[in-house]
N, C-alpha and C. Protein backbone atom coordinates (compact mmCIF):
# COMPACT_ATOMS: atom_id res chain seq x y z
N SER A 1 -3.92 16.61 23.33
CA SER A 1 -3.20 15.44 22.87
C SER A 1 -3.93 14.14 23.25
N LYS A 2 -5.18 14.24 23.67
CA LYS A 2 -5.94 13.04 24.00
C LYS A 2 -6.03 12.13 22.77
N GLY A 3 -5.71 10.87 22.91
CA GLY A 3 -5.79 9.91 21.83
C GLY A 3 -4.53 9.81 20.98
N LEU A 4 -3.59 10.69 21.19
CA LEU A 4 -2.34 10.64 20.42
C LEU A 4 -1.31 9.78 21.15
N PRO A 5 -0.41 9.13 20.43
CA PRO A 5 0.63 8.34 21.09
C PRO A 5 1.60 9.26 21.83
N PRO A 6 2.30 8.73 22.83
CA PRO A 6 3.21 9.56 23.61
C PRO A 6 4.47 9.99 22.84
N GLY A 7 4.88 9.22 21.85
CA GLY A 7 6.10 9.53 21.10
C GLY A 7 5.82 10.29 19.83
N ALA A 8 6.87 10.46 19.05
CA ALA A 8 6.75 11.16 17.77
C ALA A 8 5.85 10.36 16.82
N ILE A 9 5.01 11.05 16.07
CA ILE A 9 4.09 10.39 15.15
C ILE A 9 4.79 10.11 13.82
N CYS A 10 5.53 11.06 13.34
CA CYS A 10 6.18 10.92 12.03
C CYS A 10 7.69 11.04 12.21
N ASN A 11 8.31 9.92 12.41
CA ASN A 11 9.75 9.89 12.62
C ASN A 11 10.33 8.73 11.81
N PRO A 12 10.53 8.93 10.48
CA PRO A 12 10.98 7.82 9.64
C PRO A 12 12.40 7.38 10.00
N GLY A 13 12.61 6.08 9.84
CA GLY A 13 13.93 5.54 10.06
C GLY A 13 14.82 5.78 8.85
N ILE A 14 16.09 5.47 8.97
CA ILE A 14 17.06 5.71 7.90
C ILE A 14 16.71 4.89 6.66
N ASP A 15 16.19 3.67 6.84
CA ASP A 15 15.81 2.84 5.68
C ASP A 15 14.72 3.52 4.85
N ALA A 16 13.73 4.11 5.53
CA ALA A 16 12.65 4.79 4.82
C ALA A 16 13.17 6.03 4.10
N ILE A 17 14.05 6.75 4.72
CA ILE A 17 14.64 7.94 4.10
C ILE A 17 15.46 7.56 2.87
N GLU A 18 16.28 6.52 2.99
CA GLU A 18 17.07 6.05 1.86
C GLU A 18 16.18 5.60 0.70
N ALA A 19 15.09 4.89 1.03
CA ALA A 19 14.17 4.42 -0.01
C ALA A 19 13.50 5.59 -0.73
N ALA A 20 13.16 6.63 0.01
CA ALA A 20 12.53 7.80 -0.60
C ALA A 20 13.51 8.56 -1.48
N LEU A 21 14.76 8.61 -1.08
CA LEU A 21 15.78 9.33 -1.85
C LEU A 21 16.28 8.54 -3.05
N ASN A 22 16.22 7.22 -2.97
CA ASN A 22 16.72 6.34 -4.03
C ASN A 22 15.70 5.26 -4.35
N PRO A 23 14.55 5.64 -4.94
CA PRO A 23 13.51 4.65 -5.21
C PRO A 23 13.93 3.64 -6.27
N LYS A 24 13.40 2.43 -6.15
CA LYS A 24 13.64 1.40 -7.15
C LYS A 24 12.87 1.75 -8.42
N ASP A 25 13.40 1.36 -9.56
CA ASP A 25 12.73 1.55 -10.84
C ASP A 25 11.68 0.45 -10.99
N THR A 26 10.42 0.81 -10.95
CA THR A 26 9.34 -0.16 -11.01
C THR A 26 8.14 0.45 -11.74
N PRO A 27 7.35 -0.37 -12.40
CA PRO A 27 6.17 0.15 -13.09
C PRO A 27 4.98 0.39 -12.15
N TYR A 28 5.10 -0.05 -10.90
CA TYR A 28 3.96 0.02 -9.98
C TYR A 28 3.83 1.41 -9.37
N LEU A 29 2.62 1.94 -9.45
CA LEU A 29 2.33 3.25 -8.88
C LEU A 29 1.42 3.16 -7.66
N PHE A 30 0.75 2.01 -7.48
CA PHE A 30 -0.23 1.86 -6.42
C PHE A 30 0.03 0.58 -5.64
N PHE A 31 -0.36 0.60 -4.37
CA PHE A 31 -0.29 -0.62 -3.57
C PHE A 31 -1.35 -0.58 -2.49
N CYS A 32 -1.72 -1.75 -2.02
CA CYS A 32 -2.53 -1.90 -0.83
C CYS A 32 -2.15 -3.23 -0.20
N HIS A 33 -2.58 -3.46 1.02
CA HIS A 33 -2.27 -4.74 1.66
C HIS A 33 -3.47 -5.20 2.47
N ASP A 34 -3.53 -6.51 2.69
CA ASP A 34 -4.62 -7.06 3.48
C ASP A 34 -4.18 -7.17 4.93
N THR A 35 -5.07 -7.67 5.78
CA THR A 35 -4.77 -7.77 7.21
C THR A 35 -3.71 -8.82 7.52
N SER A 36 -3.41 -9.69 6.55
CA SER A 36 -2.35 -10.68 6.74
C SER A 36 -0.98 -10.16 6.30
N GLY A 37 -0.95 -8.96 5.72
CA GLY A 37 0.31 -8.38 5.28
C GLY A 37 0.65 -8.66 3.84
N ASN A 38 -0.24 -9.33 3.09
CA ASN A 38 0.01 -9.57 1.67
C ASN A 38 -0.11 -8.24 0.93
N ILE A 39 0.83 -7.98 0.04
CA ILE A 39 0.86 -6.72 -0.69
C ILE A 39 0.35 -6.93 -2.11
N TYR A 40 -0.50 -6.02 -2.55
CA TYR A 40 -1.07 -6.05 -3.90
C TYR A 40 -0.58 -4.82 -4.64
N LEU A 41 0.16 -5.02 -5.72
CA LEU A 41 0.72 -3.93 -6.51
C LEU A 41 -0.08 -3.74 -7.79
N ALA A 42 -0.12 -2.49 -8.28
CA ALA A 42 -0.85 -2.20 -9.51
C ALA A 42 -0.15 -1.10 -10.29
N GLU A 43 -0.23 -1.23 -11.61
CA GLU A 43 0.34 -0.22 -12.50
C GLU A 43 -0.67 0.86 -12.84
N THR A 44 -1.96 0.54 -12.80
CA THR A 44 -3.00 1.51 -13.17
C THR A 44 -4.00 1.66 -12.03
N VAL A 45 -4.76 2.75 -12.07
CA VAL A 45 -5.77 2.97 -11.04
C VAL A 45 -6.88 1.93 -11.14
N ASP A 46 -7.19 1.46 -12.34
CA ASP A 46 -8.19 0.40 -12.49
C ASP A 46 -7.75 -0.89 -11.79
N GLU A 47 -6.49 -1.28 -11.98
CA GLU A 47 -5.95 -2.45 -11.30
C GLU A 47 -5.98 -2.24 -9.78
N HIS A 48 -5.63 -1.06 -9.35
CA HIS A 48 -5.62 -0.75 -7.92
C HIS A 48 -7.03 -0.85 -7.33
N ASN A 49 -8.01 -0.32 -8.05
CA ASN A 49 -9.39 -0.38 -7.57
C ASN A 49 -9.86 -1.83 -7.44
N LYS A 50 -9.48 -2.68 -8.39
CA LYS A 50 -9.83 -4.10 -8.31
C LYS A 50 -9.16 -4.76 -7.10
N ASN A 51 -7.87 -4.44 -6.90
CA ASN A 51 -7.16 -4.98 -5.74
C ASN A 51 -7.80 -4.53 -4.44
N THR A 52 -8.17 -3.27 -4.37
CA THR A 52 -8.78 -2.73 -3.16
C THR A 52 -10.11 -3.40 -2.88
N GLU A 53 -10.93 -3.59 -3.90
CA GLU A 53 -12.20 -4.28 -3.71
C GLU A 53 -11.99 -5.70 -3.21
N GLU A 54 -11.00 -6.37 -3.77
CA GLU A 54 -10.72 -7.75 -3.34
C GLU A 54 -10.27 -7.77 -1.88
N VAL A 55 -9.38 -6.85 -1.52
CA VAL A 55 -8.87 -6.82 -0.15
C VAL A 55 -9.97 -6.45 0.84
N LEU A 56 -10.77 -5.43 0.51
CA LEU A 56 -11.78 -4.95 1.44
C LEU A 56 -13.02 -5.82 1.51
N TYR A 57 -13.44 -6.34 0.35
CA TYR A 57 -14.73 -7.02 0.28
C TYR A 57 -14.65 -8.47 -0.19
N GLY A 58 -13.47 -8.94 -0.56
CA GLY A 58 -13.34 -10.31 -1.04
C GLY A 58 -13.90 -10.51 -2.43
N ILE A 59 -14.02 -9.40 -3.18
CA ILE A 59 -14.58 -9.46 -4.53
C ILE A 59 -13.45 -9.58 -5.53
N GLU A 60 -13.44 -10.66 -6.30
CA GLU A 60 -12.42 -10.80 -7.35
C GLU A 60 -12.93 -10.16 -8.62
N GLY A 61 -11.98 -9.66 -9.41
CA GLY A 61 -12.36 -9.00 -10.65
C GLY A 61 -13.12 -9.94 -11.59
N LYS A 62 -14.11 -9.41 -12.28
CA LYS A 62 -14.92 -10.22 -13.20
C LYS A 62 -14.08 -10.74 -14.36
N ASP A 63 -13.01 -10.02 -14.71
CA ASP A 63 -12.14 -10.45 -15.81
C ASP A 63 -11.41 -11.75 -15.48
N GLU A 64 -11.26 -12.05 -14.19
CA GLU A 64 -10.47 -13.19 -13.76
C GLU A 64 -11.31 -14.44 -13.58
N GLU A 65 -12.65 -14.35 -13.70
CA GLU A 65 -13.52 -15.51 -13.47
C GLU A 65 -13.48 -16.47 -14.62
């Protein structure tokens, strides 16, 4: 157990369980977030890949220039 936290690793709270059982109707299938906590949502894997590049490398999509 070296390197593992002392408590349970996967112990979702009631809010997470409720959200999984009753998901909101949304077109978004993908998400990522930056170190500031900003969330980037995407409907397609292409949009998600662009968001991920922007978050990880600061690269904005060429379509947006």
